[in-house]
Amino acid sequence: MILGLSAFYHDSAAALVSADGIVFAAAEERFSRRKHDDGFPGLAVR
């Protein structure tokens, strides 16, 4: 499993990938309710 993070730029996100493909992917703004959230995707990782 690999955890990929995109942070500290507009539209931060997190993705969990296995050998079979994408397991989970989410944009931080879906959880923080801030459009174009540019912080660490802590809520998306939870």
Protein backbone atom coordinates (compact mmCIF):
# COMPACT_ATOMS: atom_id res chain seq x y z
CA MET A 1 0.00 0.00 0.00
CA ILE A 2 1.16 3.50 -0.81
CA LEU A 3 -0.29 6.68 0.67
CA GLY A 4 0.02 9.61 -1.74
CA LEU A 5 -0.43 13.17 -0.49
CA SER A 6 -0.78 16.48 -2.27
CA ALA A 7 -0.48 19.31 0.24
CA PHE A 8 0.28 23.00 0.76
CA TYR A 9 -0.94 23.98 -2.69
CA HIS A 10 -4.51 24.54 -3.83
CA ASP A 11 -6.76 21.46 -3.79
CA SER A 12 -4.83 19.25 -1.37
CA ALA A 13 -5.78 15.57 -1.42
CA ALA A 14 -4.87 12.05 -0.31
CA ALA A 15 -4.92 8.72 -2.14
CA LEU A 16 -4.35 5.14 -1.02
CA VAL A 17 -3.07 2.82 -3.75
CA SER A 18 -2.47 -0.94 -3.69
CA ALA A 19 -0.97 -3.26 -6.29
CA ASP A 20 -4.49 -3.76 -7.68
CA GLY A 21 -5.21 -0.04 -8.11
CA ILE A 22 -6.73 2.90 -6.28
CA VAL A 23 -8.32 1.93 -2.96
CA PHE A 24 -9.37 5.42 -1.84
CA ALA A 25 -8.90 8.99 -3.01
CA ALA A 26 -10.38 12.20 -1.63
CA ALA A 27 -9.93 15.95 -1.81
CA GLU A 28 -9.48 17.70 1.53
CA GLU A 29 -12.14 20.29 0.66
CA ARG A 30 -14.81 17.56 0.86
CA PHE A 31 -14.11 17.20 4.58
CA SER A 32 -12.98 20.70 5.59
CA ARG A 33 -15.74 22.43 3.58
CA ARG A 34 -13.19 25.04 2.41
CA LYS A 35 -13.07 25.52 -1.35
CA HIS A 36 -9.53 24.97 -2.75
CA ASP A 37 -8.21 23.97 0.70
CA ASP A 38 -4.41 24.26 0.61
CA GLY A 39 -3.50 22.81 4.03
CA PHE A 40 -2.31 19.35 4.99
CA PRO A 41 -5.00 16.78 4.06
CA GLY A 42 -5.38 15.51 7.64
CA LEU A 43 -9.14 15.05 7.42
CA ALA A 44 -8.89 13.17 4.12
CA VAL A 45 -6.30 10.80 5.64
CA ARG A 46 -8.47 9.94 8.65
